[in-house]
Protein backbone atom coordinates (compact mmCIF):
# COMPACT_ATOMS: atom_id res chain seq x y z
CA MET A 1 -6.39 -8.08 -33.55
CA ALA A 2 -4.77 -4.68 -33.98
CA SER A 3 -5.77 -3.71 -30.45
CA ASP A 4 -4.26 -6.95 -29.13
CA LEU A 5 -1.00 -6.19 -30.90
CA ILE A 6 -1.00 -2.68 -29.48
CA ARG A 7 -1.64 -4.02 -25.96
CA ARG A 8 1.13 -6.59 -26.31
CA ALA A 9 3.53 -3.95 -27.59
CA ALA A 10 2.61 -1.65 -24.70
CA LEU A 11 3.10 -4.51 -22.24
CA LEU A 12 6.51 -5.34 -23.69
CA PHE A 13 7.48 -1.67 -23.56
CA ARG A 14 6.45 -1.41 -19.90
CA GLU A 15 8.06 -4.68 -18.79
CA ARG A 16 11.11 -5.13 -21.00
CA LEU A 17 14.15 -2.92 -20.51
CA GLY A 18 15.54 -3.95 -23.91
CA PHE A 19 12.51 -2.58 -25.71
CA LYS A 20 12.76 0.66 -23.76
CA LEU A 21 16.45 1.07 -24.59
CA MET A 22 15.95 0.27 -28.27
CA ALA A 23 12.92 2.52 -28.48
CA ALA A 24 14.81 5.39 -26.83
CA VAL A 25 17.88 4.97 -29.06
CA LEU A 26 15.81 4.57 -32.21
CA ALA A 27 13.68 7.57 -31.33
CA ALA A 28 16.80 9.67 -30.82
CA VAL A 29 18.32 8.41 -34.09
CA LEU A 30 15.07 8.93 -35.97
CA VAL A 31 14.70 12.46 -34.65
CA GLY A 32 18.30 13.19 -35.60
CA LEU A 33 17.91 11.77 -39.09
CA VAL A 34 14.62 13.59 -39.62
CA MET A 35 16.28 16.83 -38.60
CA VAL A 36 19.19 16.14 -40.96
CA VAL A 37 16.87 15.23 -43.83
CA THR A 38 14.67 18.23 -43.14
CA PHE A 39 17.69 20.51 -43.05
CA TYR A 40 19.08 18.93 -46.22
CA THR A 41 15.83 19.11 -48.18
CA ASP A 42 15.21 22.67 -47.03
CA ARG A 43 18.70 23.60 -48.21
CA GLN A 44 18.04 21.86 -51.51
CA ARG A 45 14.68 23.60 -51.89
CA ARG A 46 16.19 27.01 -51.25
CA HIS A 47 19.12 26.21 -53.51
CA ILE A 48 16.82 25.13 -56.35
CA HIS A 49 14.65 28.22 -55.92
CA GLU A 50 17.69 30.48 -55.86
CA ASN A 51 19.09 28.87 -59.02
CA ASN A 52 15.71 29.14 -60.69
CA GLU A 53 15.41 32.80 -59.70
CA ARG A 54 18.91 33.56 -61.00
CA ALA A 55 18.12 31.82 -64.28
CA MET A 56 14.81 33.62 -64.61
CA ARG A 57 16.46 36.93 -63.79
CA LYS A 58 18.97 36.39 -66.60
CA VAL A 59 16.18 35.38 -68.95
CA THR A 60 14.26 38.51 -68.04
CA GLU A 61 17.28 40.69 -68.60
CA SER A 62 17.94 38.98 -71.95
CA VAL A 63 14.34 39.49 -73.03
CA ILE A 64 14.54 43.19 -72.14
CA GLN A 65 17.71 43.58 -74.14
CA SER A 66 16.13 41.73 -77.07
CA LEU A 67 13.06 43.96 -76.93
CA GLN A 68 15.18 47.09 -76.79
CA THR A 69 17.17 45.85 -79.76
CA VAL A 70 13.94 45.21 -81.68
CA MET A 71 12.59 48.62 -80.71
CA LEU A 72 15.77 50.49 -81.59
CA ALA A 73 15.94 48.68 -84.92
CA GLY A 74 12.59 50.19 -85.76
CA TYR A 75 10.59 47.03 -85.49
CA ALA A 76 8.39 48.04 -82.57
CA ASP A 77 5.37 46.71 -84.37
CA ILE A 78 6.60 43.16 -83.94
CA ALA A 79 7.16 43.55 -80.16
CA GLN A 80 3.72 42.17 -79.42
CA LEU A 81 4.35 39.27 -81.77
CA PHE A 82 7.61 38.63 -79.93
CA ALA A 83 5.77 38.62 -76.64
CA ASP A 84 3.10 36.25 -77.92
CA ARG A 85 5.67 33.85 -79.34
CA LEU A 86 7.57 33.88 -76.03
CA LYS A 87 4.47 32.66 -74.23
CA GLU A 88 4.72 29.45 -76.19
CA VAL A 89 8.07 28.59 -74.58
CA LYS A 90 7.76 25.60 -72.20
CA GLY A 91 7.50 26.74 -68.62
CA VAL A 92 6.48 30.28 -69.53
CA VAL A 93 2.96 30.88 -68.33
CA ASP A 94 2.64 34.53 -69.22
CA PHE A 95 4.76 37.20 -70.87
CA ARG A 96 3.50 40.77 -71.18
CA ILE A 97 4.82 44.23 -71.61
CA LEU A 98 3.02 46.59 -69.24
CA ARG A 99 2.75 50.24 -68.93
CA THR A 100 3.76 51.70 -65.56
CA THR A 101 0.06 51.83 -64.69
CA GLY A 102 -0.31 48.04 -64.97
CA LEU A 103 -2.13 48.07 -68.30
CA GLU A 104 -0.86 45.82 -71.08
CA ALA A 105 1.08 47.75 -73.76
CA PHE A 106 0.63 47.47 -77.53
CA ARG A 107 -3.15 47.12 -77.11
CA ASP A 108 -4.05 50.72 -78.07
CA ASN A 109 -2.74 53.47 -80.36
CA LYS A 110 -1.65 55.90 -77.68
CA THR A 111 2.02 54.98 -77.80
CA VAL A 112 1.94 54.59 -81.63
CA ASP A 113 0.49 58.06 -82.11
CA GLU A 114 2.96 59.63 -79.70
CA VAL A 115 5.97 57.94 -81.33
CA ASN A 116 4.80 58.89 -84.86
CA ARG A 117 4.27 62.46 -83.66
CA ARG A 118 7.74 62.67 -82.18
CA ARG A 119 9.36 61.13 -85.27
CA GLY A 120 7.31 63.34 -87.60
CA ASN A 121 6.41 60.41 -89.82
CA GLU A 122 3.87 57.65 -89.87
CA ASP A 123 6.51 55.03 -89.23
CA PHE A 124 4.22 52.79 -87.20
CA SER A 125 0.78 51.70 -88.28
CA PRO A 126 -2.02 52.10 -85.74
CA HIS A 127 -3.93 49.10 -84.41
CA GLU A 128 -7.16 48.30 -86.09
CA LYS A 129 -8.72 47.28 -82.78
CA GLU A 130 -7.90 48.97 -79.51
CA GLU A 131 -8.49 47.43 -76.09
CA GLU A 132 -7.48 48.20 -72.51
CA ILE A 133 -6.29 45.16 -70.50
CA ALA A 134 -5.48 45.70 -66.81
CA VAL A 135 -2.88 43.05 -65.91
CA LEU A 136 -1.84 44.43 -62.51
CA PRO A 137 -3.37 47.15 -60.39
CA ALA A 138 -1.34 50.33 -60.35
CA GLU A 139 -0.89 50.02 -56.56
CA HIS A 140 0.53 46.51 -56.80
CA PRO A 141 3.56 46.64 -54.41
CA SER A 142 5.93 44.81 -56.74
CA LEU A 143 4.87 46.96 -59.71
CA ALA A 144 5.23 50.15 -57.69
CA ALA A 145 8.69 49.08 -56.44
CA THR A 146 9.82 48.19 -59.96
CA VAL A 147 8.76 51.58 -61.34
CA SER A 148 9.93 53.74 -58.46
CA GLU A 149 13.20 51.96 -57.64
CA LYS A 150 14.00 50.87 -61.22
CA ARG A 151 14.91 47.34 -60.19
CA ILE A 152 13.69 43.86 -60.96
CA GLU A 153 11.09 42.54 -58.52
CA ARG A 154 9.78 39.02 -58.12
CA TYR A 155 6.87 37.41 -56.31
CA TYR A 156 5.25 33.99 -55.99
CA ASP A 157 1.59 33.19 -56.39
CA PRO A 158 -0.47 30.03 -56.92
CA GLY A 159 -1.25 29.07 -60.47
CA ALA A 160 -4.55 27.98 -61.94
CA ALA A 161 -3.32 24.37 -62.22
CA GLY A 162 -2.48 24.24 -58.52
CA ASP A 163 1.26 24.68 -59.01
CA SER A 164 3.24 27.70 -57.83
CA GLN A 165 4.25 30.46 -60.23
CA LEU A 166 7.19 32.84 -60.18
CA THR A 167 6.68 36.29 -61.69
CA PHE A 168 9.46 38.75 -62.53
CA LEU A 169 8.72 42.44 -63.09
CA ALA A 170 11.62 44.19 -64.84
CA PRO A 171 11.68 47.93 -65.62
CA ILE A 172 12.16 48.99 -69.24
CA LEU A 173 14.36 52.03 -68.76
CA ASN A 174 14.05 55.14 -70.90
CA GLU A 175 17.64 55.37 -72.10
CA GLU A 176 19.07 58.25 -74.06
CA ARG A 177 18.78 56.41 -77.33
CA CYS A 178 15.06 56.00 -76.60
CA HIS A 179 14.40 59.71 -76.14
CA ARG A 180 13.82 60.32 -79.87
CA CYS A 181 10.67 58.20 -79.76
CA HIS A 182 9.58 58.37 -76.15
CA GLY A 183 10.88 61.65 -74.83
CA LYS A 184 12.57 62.29 -71.49
CA ALA A 185 9.57 62.72 -69.21
CA HIS A 186 9.59 59.22 -67.70
CA ALA A 187 12.62 57.29 -66.53
CA VAL A 188 10.77 54.01 -66.95
CA ARG A 189 8.97 53.46 -70.24
CA GLY A 190 7.24 50.25 -69.17
CA VAL A 191 7.50 47.00 -67.23
CA LEU A 192 8.22 43.54 -68.54
CA LYS A 193 6.19 40.87 -66.80
CA LEU A 194 7.45 37.30 -67.13
CA THR A 195 5.58 34.52 -65.28
CA THR A 196 6.92 30.97 -65.22
CA SER A 197 5.48 27.80 -63.78
CA LEU A 198 7.36 26.14 -60.92
CA ALA A 199 5.92 22.73 -61.73
CA GLU A 200 9.30 21.42 -62.86
CA VAL A 201 10.98 22.96 -59.86
CA GLU A 202 8.44 21.39 -57.54
CA LYS A 203 8.92 18.11 -59.34
CA ASP A 204 12.62 18.35 -58.69
CA LEU A 205 11.89 19.16 -55.06
CA ARG A 206 9.58 16.15 -54.76
CA GLU A 207 12.24 13.94 -56.27
CA THR A 208 14.79 15.35 -53.86
CA TRP A 209 12.39 14.75 -50.95
CA MET A 210 11.68 11.19 -52.07
CA GLN A 211 15.38 10.52 -52.40
CA ALA A 212 15.92 11.91 -48.93
CA LEU A 213 13.11 9.74 -47.56
CA ALA A 214 14.58 6.70 -49.26
CA ILE A 215 17.98 7.48 -47.80
CA LEU A 216 16.34 8.05 -44.42
CA ALA A 217 14.49 4.74 -44.60
CA ILE A 218 17.65 2.89 -45.59
CA ALA A 219 19.63 4.63 -42.85
CA VAL A 220 16.97 3.98 -40.22
CA THR A 221 16.73 0.34 -41.24
CA GLY A 222 20.50 -0.06 -41.09
CA ILE A 223 20.74 1.74 -37.78
CA VAL A 224 17.85 -0.30 -36.36
CA VAL A 225 19.59 -3.52 -37.30
CA VAL A 226 22.93 -2.38 -35.88
CA VAL A 227 21.39 -0.89 -32.73
CA VAL A 228 19.26 -3.96 -32.08
CA LEU A 229 22.23 -6.29 -32.51
CA VAL A 230 24.54 -4.16 -30.38
CA LEU A 231 21.98 -3.49 -27.67
CA ARG A 232 20.87 -7.10 -27.50
CA ARG A 233 24.41 -8.43 -27.30
CA GLN A 234 26.14 -5.78 -25.24
CA ILE A 235 23.39 -4.45 -22.97
CA VAL A 236 20.04 -6.22 -23.11
CA ARG A 237 21.28 -9.80 -22.92
CA PRO A 238 23.64 -9.18 -19.94
CA ILE A 239 20.92 -7.22 -18.14
CA VAL A 240 18.38 -9.98 -18.86
CA ASP A 241 20.90 -12.52 -17.55
CA VAL A 242 21.29 -10.50 -14.34
CA SER A 243 17.51 -10.10 -14.05
CA GLN A 244 16.94 -13.83 -14.52
CA ALA A 245 19.71 -14.57 -12.03
CA MET A 246 18.00 -12.29 -9.52
CA SER A 247 14.77 -14.22 -10.03
CA VAL A 248 16.62 -17.49 -9.46
CA VAL A 249 18.34 -16.11 -6.35
CA SER A 250 15.00 -14.86 -5.03
CA THR A 251 13.84 -18.50 -4.94
CA GLY A 252 16.64 -19.30 -2.50
CA LYS A 253 19.36 -20.55 -4.87
CA LEU A 254 22.07 -18.25 -3.57
CA ASP A 255 24.86 -20.22 -5.27
CA HIS A 256 23.62 -19.20 -8.73
CA GLU A 257 26.00 -16.96 -10.73
CA VAL A 258 25.63 -14.68 -13.76
CA PRO A 259 27.93 -15.11 -16.80
CA VAL A 260 30.23 -12.08 -17.10
CA ILE A 261 30.37 -10.64 -20.64
CA GLY A 262 32.89 -7.87 -21.25
CA GLN A 263 34.53 -5.38 -18.94
CA ASP A 264 32.02 -2.55 -19.27
CA GLU A 265 29.56 -1.34 -16.66
CA VAL A 266 27.19 -4.24 -17.33
CA GLY A 267 30.06 -6.71 -16.91
CA GLN A 268 31.05 -4.99 -13.68
CA MET A 269 27.43 -5.16 -12.55
CA ALA A 270 27.43 -8.92 -13.21
CA LYS A 271 30.68 -9.31 -11.24
CA SER A 272 29.27 -7.27 -8.37
CA PHE A 273 26.10 -9.35 -8.42
CA ASN A 274 28.11 -12.58 -8.28
CA SER A 275 30.17 -11.23 -5.38
CA MET A 276 26.99 -10.21 -3.59
CA THR A 277 25.38 -13.64 -4.04
CA GLN A 278 28.54 -15.34 -2.79
CA GLU A 279 28.54 -13.20 0.33
CA LEU A 280 24.80 -13.76 0.76
CA HIS A 281 25.33 -17.50 0.40
CA LYS A 282 28.04 -17.47 3.07
CA THR A 283 25.87 -15.36 5.33
CA TYR A 284 22.84 -17.56 4.69
CA VAL A 285 24.80 -20.73 5.48
CA GLY A 286 26.07 -19.13 8.67
CA LEU A 287 22.62 -17.89 9.64
CA GLU A 288 21.11 -21.27 8.81
CA GLY A 289 23.62 -22.94 11.12
CA GLU A 290 22.88 -20.43 13.87
CA GLN A 291 19.15 -20.88 13.29
CA ASN A 292 19.52 -24.64 13.63
CA LYS A 293 21.43 -24.15 16.87
CA LEU A 294 18.84 -21.71 18.16
CA THR A 295 16.00 -24.02 17.12
CA THR A 296 17.66 -26.94 18.89
CA ILE A 297 18.19 -24.83 22.01
CA ILE A 298 14.61 -23.56 22.01
CA LEU A 299 13.02 -26.96 21.35
CA THR A 300 15.15 -28.80 23.90
CA ALA A 301 15.19 -26.07 26.55
CA ARG A 302 13.71 -26.97 29.92
CA GLU A 303 12.38 -23.43 30.19
CA GLY A 304 9.14 -22.61 28.45
CA ILE A 305 9.44 -19.97 25.71
CA VAL A 306 6.52 -18.12 24.09
CA VAL A 307 7.08 -15.36 21.50
CA THR A 308 4.68 -12.99 19.71
CA ASN A 309 5.01 -10.86 16.57
CA PRO A 310 4.56 -7.03 16.58
CA ALA A 311 0.79 -7.48 16.24
CA GLY A 312 0.72 -9.52 19.48
CA ARG A 313 -0.04 -12.85 17.81
CA VAL A 314 1.76 -15.86 19.31
CA VAL A 315 4.19 -17.22 16.71
CA LEU A 316 6.43 -19.54 18.74
CA VAL A 317 5.69 -22.03 21.52
CA ASN A 318 8.34 -24.54 22.49
CA PRO A 319 7.43 -28.00 23.90
CA ALA A 320 8.51 -27.04 27.42
CA ALA A 321 5.99 -24.16 27.49
CA ALA A 322 3.17 -26.48 26.46
CA THR A 323 4.17 -28.96 29.19
CA LEU A 324 4.51 -26.35 31.94
CA LEU A 325 1.23 -24.62 31.08
CA GLY A 326 -0.66 -27.89 30.55
CA LYS A 327 -1.91 -26.75 27.13
CA SER A 328 -1.14 -27.69 23.56
CA ALA A 329 0.83 -25.26 21.40
CA GLU A 330 -2.25 -24.81 19.20
CA ARG A 331 -4.35 -23.90 22.23
CA ILE A 332 -1.77 -21.39 23.46
CA ILE A 333 -1.64 -19.75 20.00
CA ALA A 334 -5.43 -19.66 19.76
CA ASP A 335 -5.94 -18.22 23.28
CA GLY A 336 -3.36 -15.49 22.77
CA PHE A 337 -0.46 -14.14 24.79
CA ASP A 338 -2.62 -12.37 27.40
CA ARG A 339 -4.28 -15.66 28.43
CA LEU A 340 -0.99 -17.50 28.84
CA ILE A 341 -1.63 -18.09 32.56
CA ASP A 342 -5.41 -17.61 32.24
CA ASP A 343 -5.18 -14.14 33.82
CA PRO A 344 -5.15 -11.34 31.19
CA GLU A 345 -5.03 -8.50 33.74
CA THR A 346 -1.97 -9.91 35.47
CA MET A 347 -0.20 -10.45 32.15
CA ALA A 348 -0.94 -6.85 31.12
CA ALA A 349 0.46 -5.55 34.42
CA TRP A 350 3.61 -7.65 34.05
CA LEU A 351 4.18 -6.32 30.53
CA VAL A 352 3.97 -2.78 31.88
CA GLU A 353 6.58 -3.60 34.54
CA GLY A 354 8.94 -4.79 31.81
CA ARG A 355 12.03 -6.95 31.82
CA GLY A 356 13.87 -7.97 34.97
CA HIS A 357 10.84 -8.69 37.15
CA PRO A 358 10.24 -12.46 37.41
CA HIS A 359 7.02 -13.48 39.11
CA THR A 360 6.38 -16.70 41.01
CA ILE A 361 2.97 -18.30 40.56
CA GLU A 362 1.29 -21.64 41.13
CA HIS A 363 -0.24 -22.95 37.92
CA ASN A 364 -1.39 -26.37 36.83
CA GLY A 365 0.02 -27.97 39.99
CA ARG A 366 3.45 -26.44 39.47
CA VAL A 367 5.36 -23.51 40.91
CA LEU A 368 6.55 -21.36 38.00
CA ASP A 369 8.84 -18.38 37.67
CA VAL A 370 7.38 -16.25 34.85
CA GLU A 371 9.19 -13.34 33.22
CA VAL A 372 7.48 -11.35 30.45
CA ALA A 373 8.77 -8.41 28.45
CA THR A 374 8.09 -6.38 25.32
CA ILE A 375 11.06 -6.34 22.93
CA ALA A 376 11.81 -3.07 21.09
CA GLY A 377 13.78 -2.69 17.87
CA PRO A 378 16.61 -0.19 17.19
CA ASP A 379 14.03 2.49 16.38
CA GLY A 380 12.17 1.92 19.64
CA ALA A 381 9.15 0.34 17.96
CA PRO A 382 7.94 -2.94 19.54
CA VAL A 383 8.88 -6.06 17.57
CA GLY A 384 7.07 -8.52 19.83
CA SER A 385 6.72 -9.87 23.35
CA THR A 386 8.31 -12.85 25.08
CA ALA A 387 7.49 -15.01 28.07
CA LEU A 388 10.05 -17.21 29.82
CA LEU A 389 8.63 -19.87 32.14
CA ARG A 390 10.78 -21.88 34.53
CA ASP A 391 9.55 -24.77 36.68
CA ILE A 392 10.80 -24.12 40.22
CA THR A 393 8.53 -26.66 41.94
CA GLU A 394 11.46 -28.84 42.96
CA GLU A 395 13.52 -25.82 43.93
CA LYS A 396 10.76 -24.55 46.19
CA ARG A 397 10.41 -28.01 47.76
CA LEU A 398 14.13 -28.18 48.39
CA GLU A 399 14.06 -24.63 49.68
CA ARG A 400 11.36 -25.55 52.16
CA GLU A 401 13.26 -28.65 53.19
CA LEU A 402 16.46 -26.69 53.64
CA LYS A 403 14.61 -24.09 55.63
CA GLU A 404 13.12 -26.78 57.80
CA LEU A 405 16.50 -28.44 58.21
CA SER A 406 18.07 -25.15 59.19
CA THR A 407 15.35 -24.33 61.74
CA THR A 408 14.02 -27.74 62.83
CA ASP A 409 15.41 -30.36 65.16
CA GLY A 410 15.90 -33.55 63.19
CA LEU A 411 14.74 -35.91 65.96
CA THR A 412 11.69 -34.16 67.37
CA GLY A 413 10.57 -31.96 64.48
CA LEU A 414 10.46 -28.95 66.82
CA GLY A 415 12.41 -25.75 66.30
CA ASN A 416 16.14 -26.15 66.85
CA ARG A 417 18.38 -24.04 69.06
CA ARG A 418 19.27 -21.67 66.24
CA PHE A 419 15.62 -21.10 65.43
CA LEU A 420 14.85 -20.66 69.13
CA ASP A 421 17.49 -17.97 69.64
CA ARG A 422 16.36 -16.00 66.58
CA SER A 423 12.65 -16.28 67.43
CA LEU A 424 13.09 -15.37 71.08
CA GLU A 425 15.25 -12.37 70.22
CA HIS A 426 12.53 -11.15 67.87
CA GLU A 427 9.70 -11.68 70.39
CA VAL A 428 11.62 -9.94 73.20
CA GLU A 429 12.21 -6.89 70.98
CA ARG A 430 8.55 -6.87 69.99
CA ALA A 431 7.32 -7.14 73.59
CA ARG A 432 9.69 -4.41 74.74
CA GLY A 433 8.76 -2.06 71.91
CA ALA A 434 5.00 -2.64 72.08
CA ASP A 435 4.83 -3.17 75.86
CA ALA A 436 3.19 -6.51 75.16
CA ASP A 437 2.96 -9.68 77.21
CA LEU A 438 5.45 -12.46 76.55
CA SER A 439 6.14 -15.63 78.48
CA ILE A 440 8.30 -18.70 78.09
CA PHE A 441 8.51 -21.99 79.86
CA MET A 442 11.50 -24.27 79.94
CA PHE A 443 11.41 -27.93 80.98
CA ASP A 444 13.37 -31.14 80.86
CA ILE A 445 12.52 -34.81 81.33
CA ASP A 446 12.95 -36.06 84.84
CA HIS A 447 15.58 -38.78 85.24
CA PHE A 448 16.20 -38.87 81.47
CA LYS A 449 19.75 -40.16 81.97
CA LYS A 450 18.26 -43.24 83.61
CA PHE A 451 16.20 -43.92 80.45
CA ASN A 452 19.34 -43.87 78.34
CA ASP A 453 21.43 -45.88 80.78
CA THR A 454 18.76 -48.48 81.49
CA HIS A 455 16.90 -48.79 78.22
CA GLY A 456 19.43 -47.43 75.72
CA HIS A 457 19.61 -44.31 73.59
CA ASP A 458 16.99 -45.56 71.12
CA GLN A 459 14.47 -45.72 73.90
CA GLY A 460 15.56 -42.25 74.99
CA ASP A 461 14.97 -40.96 71.45
CA ARG A 462 11.48 -42.46 71.45
CA VAL A 463 10.73 -40.72 74.73
CA LEU A 464 11.92 -37.39 73.27
CA LYS A 465 9.68 -37.87 70.19
CA ALA A 466 6.68 -38.70 72.36
CA VAL A 467 7.25 -35.59 74.50
CA ALA A 468 7.57 -33.45 71.35
CA GLU A 469 4.31 -34.84 70.02
CA MET A 470 2.56 -33.99 73.29
CA ILE A 471 3.96 -30.45 73.11
CA ARG A 472 2.45 -30.03 69.63
CA GLN A 473 -0.91 -31.22 70.93
CA VAL A 474 -0.95 -28.84 73.88
CA VAL A 475 0.49 -25.56 72.60
CA ARG A 476 -1.36 -23.09 70.38
CA LYS A 477 -0.59 -22.28 66.75
CA VAL A 478 0.98 -18.97 67.72
CA ASP A 479 3.31 -20.61 70.23
CA ILE A 480 6.84 -21.60 69.26
CA PRO A 481 7.98 -24.97 70.70
CA CYS A 482 11.73 -25.69 70.40
CA ARG A 483 14.25 -28.27 71.58
CA TYR A 484 16.76 -26.41 73.69
CA GLY A 485 19.28 -29.23 73.83
CA GLY A 486 19.47 -32.84 75.06
CA GLU A 487 16.28 -33.54 77.04
CA GLU A 488 15.53 -29.80 77.55
CA PHE A 489 12.72 -27.97 75.72
CA LEU A 490 11.56 -24.35 75.61
CA VAL A 491 8.25 -22.95 74.44
CA ILE A 492 7.81 -19.26 73.50
CA LEU A 493 4.32 -17.91 74.26
CA PRO A 494 3.72 -14.58 72.43
CA SER A 495 1.11 -12.18 73.93
CA THR A 496 0.75 -14.39 77.01
CA GLY A 497 1.00 -13.29 80.66
CA GLU A 498 2.25 -15.38 83.57
CA ASP A 499 -1.22 -16.74 84.44
CA GLY A 500 -1.83 -18.07 80.98
CA ALA A 501 1.68 -19.42 80.83
CA MET A 502 1.23 -21.28 84.13
CA ILE A 503 -2.03 -22.82 82.93
CA LEU A 504 -0.52 -23.97 79.64
CA ALA A 505 2.62 -25.30 81.34
CA ASP A 506 0.65 -27.30 83.87
CA ARG A 507 -1.57 -28.70 81.11
CA LEU A 508 1.55 -29.91 79.34
CA ARG A 509 2.96 -31.39 82.55
CA LYS A 510 -0.22 -33.37 83.14
CA GLY A 511 -0.39 -34.54 79.54
CA ILE A 512 3.14 -35.91 79.71
CA GLU A 513 2.50 -37.47 83.11
CA ASP A 514 -0.52 -39.31 81.73
CA MET A 515 1.22 -40.80 78.71
CA VAL A 516 3.08 -44.11 78.55
CA VAL A 517 6.02 -44.67 76.21
CA ASP A 518 6.76 -48.35 75.59
CA GLY A 519 5.43 -49.13 79.06
CA LEU A 520 7.44 -46.36 80.68
CA LYS A 521 6.09 -43.39 82.64
CA VAL A 522 7.57 -39.94 81.93
CA THR A 523 7.42 -36.72 83.93
CA VAL A 524 8.82 -33.24 83.42
CA SER A 525 9.79 -30.26 85.55
CA ILE A 526 8.83 -26.84 84.13
CA GLY A 527 10.10 -23.36 84.86
CA VAL A 528 7.88 -20.44 83.75
CA ALA A 529 9.08 -16.85 83.19
CA SER A 530 6.96 -13.79 82.27
CA PHE A 531 8.57 -10.78 80.56
CA ARG A 532 6.30 -8.10 82.07
CA GLU A 533 7.00 -9.15 85.67
CA LEU A 534 10.68 -10.02 85.31
CA LYS A 535 11.74 -7.28 82.86
CA PRO A 536 14.89 -9.12 81.71
CA GLU A 537 17.47 -6.97 79.93
CA SER A 538 18.01 -9.53 77.17
CA ALA A 539 16.74 -12.76 75.70
CA PRO A 540 19.57 -14.88 77.21
CA ARG A 541 18.77 -13.40 80.62
CA PHE A 542 15.13 -14.26 80.06
CA VAL A 543 16.10 -17.91 79.42
CA GLU A 544 18.32 -17.95 82.53
CA MET A 545 15.34 -16.88 84.64
CA ALA A 546 13.17 -19.68 83.23
CA ASP A 547 16.05 -22.15 83.71
CA ALA A 548 16.43 -21.09 87.35
CA ALA A 549 12.72 -21.74 87.93
CA LEU A 550 13.12 -25.14 86.24
CA TYR A 551 15.87 -26.23 88.59
CA ALA A 552 13.92 -24.89 91.51
CA GLY A 553 11.16 -27.28 90.46
CA LYS A 554 13.61 -30.17 90.28
CA LYS A 555 14.87 -29.37 93.78
CA GLY A 556 11.31 -29.21 94.95
CA GLY A 557 10.64 -32.82 93.94
CA ARG A 558 10.26 -32.78 90.12
CA ASN A 559 7.04 -33.21 88.06
CA ARG A 560 5.95 -29.69 88.85
CA VAL A 561 5.64 -26.16 87.41
CA VAL A 562 7.55 -23.33 89.07
CA LEU A 563 7.09 -19.59 88.25
CA ALA A 564 10.17 -17.43 88.15
CA VAL A 565 9.92 -14.40 90.43
CA PRO A 566 11.92 -11.19 90.42
CA ALA A 567 15.01 -11.23 92.59
CA PRO A 568 14.46 -9.38 95.89
CA ALA A 569 15.88 -5.90 96.03
CA PRO A 570 19.05 -5.64 98.14
CA MET A 571 18.47 -4.37 101.69
CA ASP A 572 19.99 -1.13 102.84
CA PRO A 573 22.87 -1.60 105.36
């Protein structure tokens, strides 16, 4: 149980700021009070010892004076009795009169004999029993100092009962009035040794210490109560309120506020926290609105959008992307970004190319424009990759249709005049630059005006369509058949000489001659021109040469093929 309490206390100390603050303050207060009490008790102890020493010094001096009075009065024989009776005083452990050598005086007849000799009378009776009692060694430092320096010395030593003892050594000076008995040879006649027990002093010290401890305990208790109340109300509670508010805000409740108590730093912290949460709430509401807009845009966008996180894992797939790729969002996420179009190598190459390079592919029966890029953060580190997919199937179809409309004759489906001019210009330049063969043949329908006048323009249109169909059947894939205008047609024959052109033109003439359109027979007259033989200076001149051959065929009876020949060189005059 004790270990559990210790663990709980340690846990509270680690996790609760209030406990840390109170512990720190109380520790500081306790250290301060202990120092004060220690200083106070030490002062008291020294003061008591000093008072005791002063008192004992006075007692010692009084005893010396009393002894000298007794000795001078001629009652030296009762000095030992005086000393023995003094030992019985409470607190006095030992009282002796010593010789300067440390031996106890009045225990032999040496001094008695010497005094009687000096006085010339037997004034003092000798001791019946002599004994030599060494109280202190002669080399004792305090004894030596007392004798040599003629001053009172003191020292402390432990007593037999375990208490401390204070001993005073006072010199008994050989004054002039003492010379009659003791002579002048020694300045110090002896040493008075007075030893007292410090038990009472130590008792007083213990009482002082206990009083100090009691005062300390009362002071600590009072300070603890005051500190706890003040800290809890002024610091801990506001901080706990802020901490709890932070926990509430961390759950998403950004409109939560902390009660402000006081105008101190903690109160200012609470105000700042409330201001921060208000700003965060405004920002969150704004961001939430923008997120809703962005989500709506992404989910309803016609373009497919796929986004990854920094690790390359797909984290966003909008419905349009799933539709365009023909996969579910779950499948796209599971397959990964590199298999978005089922071609990891191509995706990797596109990512290397970076932003601004859309690529057109055919996928899942659609024509898609795909743009992929790696997005970098402010520090240059990648934050993810994106893919934008746009369905351009309809655009490509319209583009093809527009291209066909811009280059194709609407009635016959052959190339129109604009397409013819551009193609012929290109082929002439190619033939001239590469010295290659190139031929054309130009033809029109014989008596076409009669078809229109007799059978109407609708019938004329049907004849034109039938002729165009025959052209497509006869010419090669490399050839370029075009409607020149009205009932006139022109076919460009790349890499073809005049012989091949004549064969192909006559084959077309026969094919048209053999067909019947709504019961009507149709014939054509064809003029053939070859670039190598004629060497025209331009494409229009090339057409004029073929046109001249055409009209030559008409003049020759129609339904025939005529080859254009170079104009004869002018004769010299």
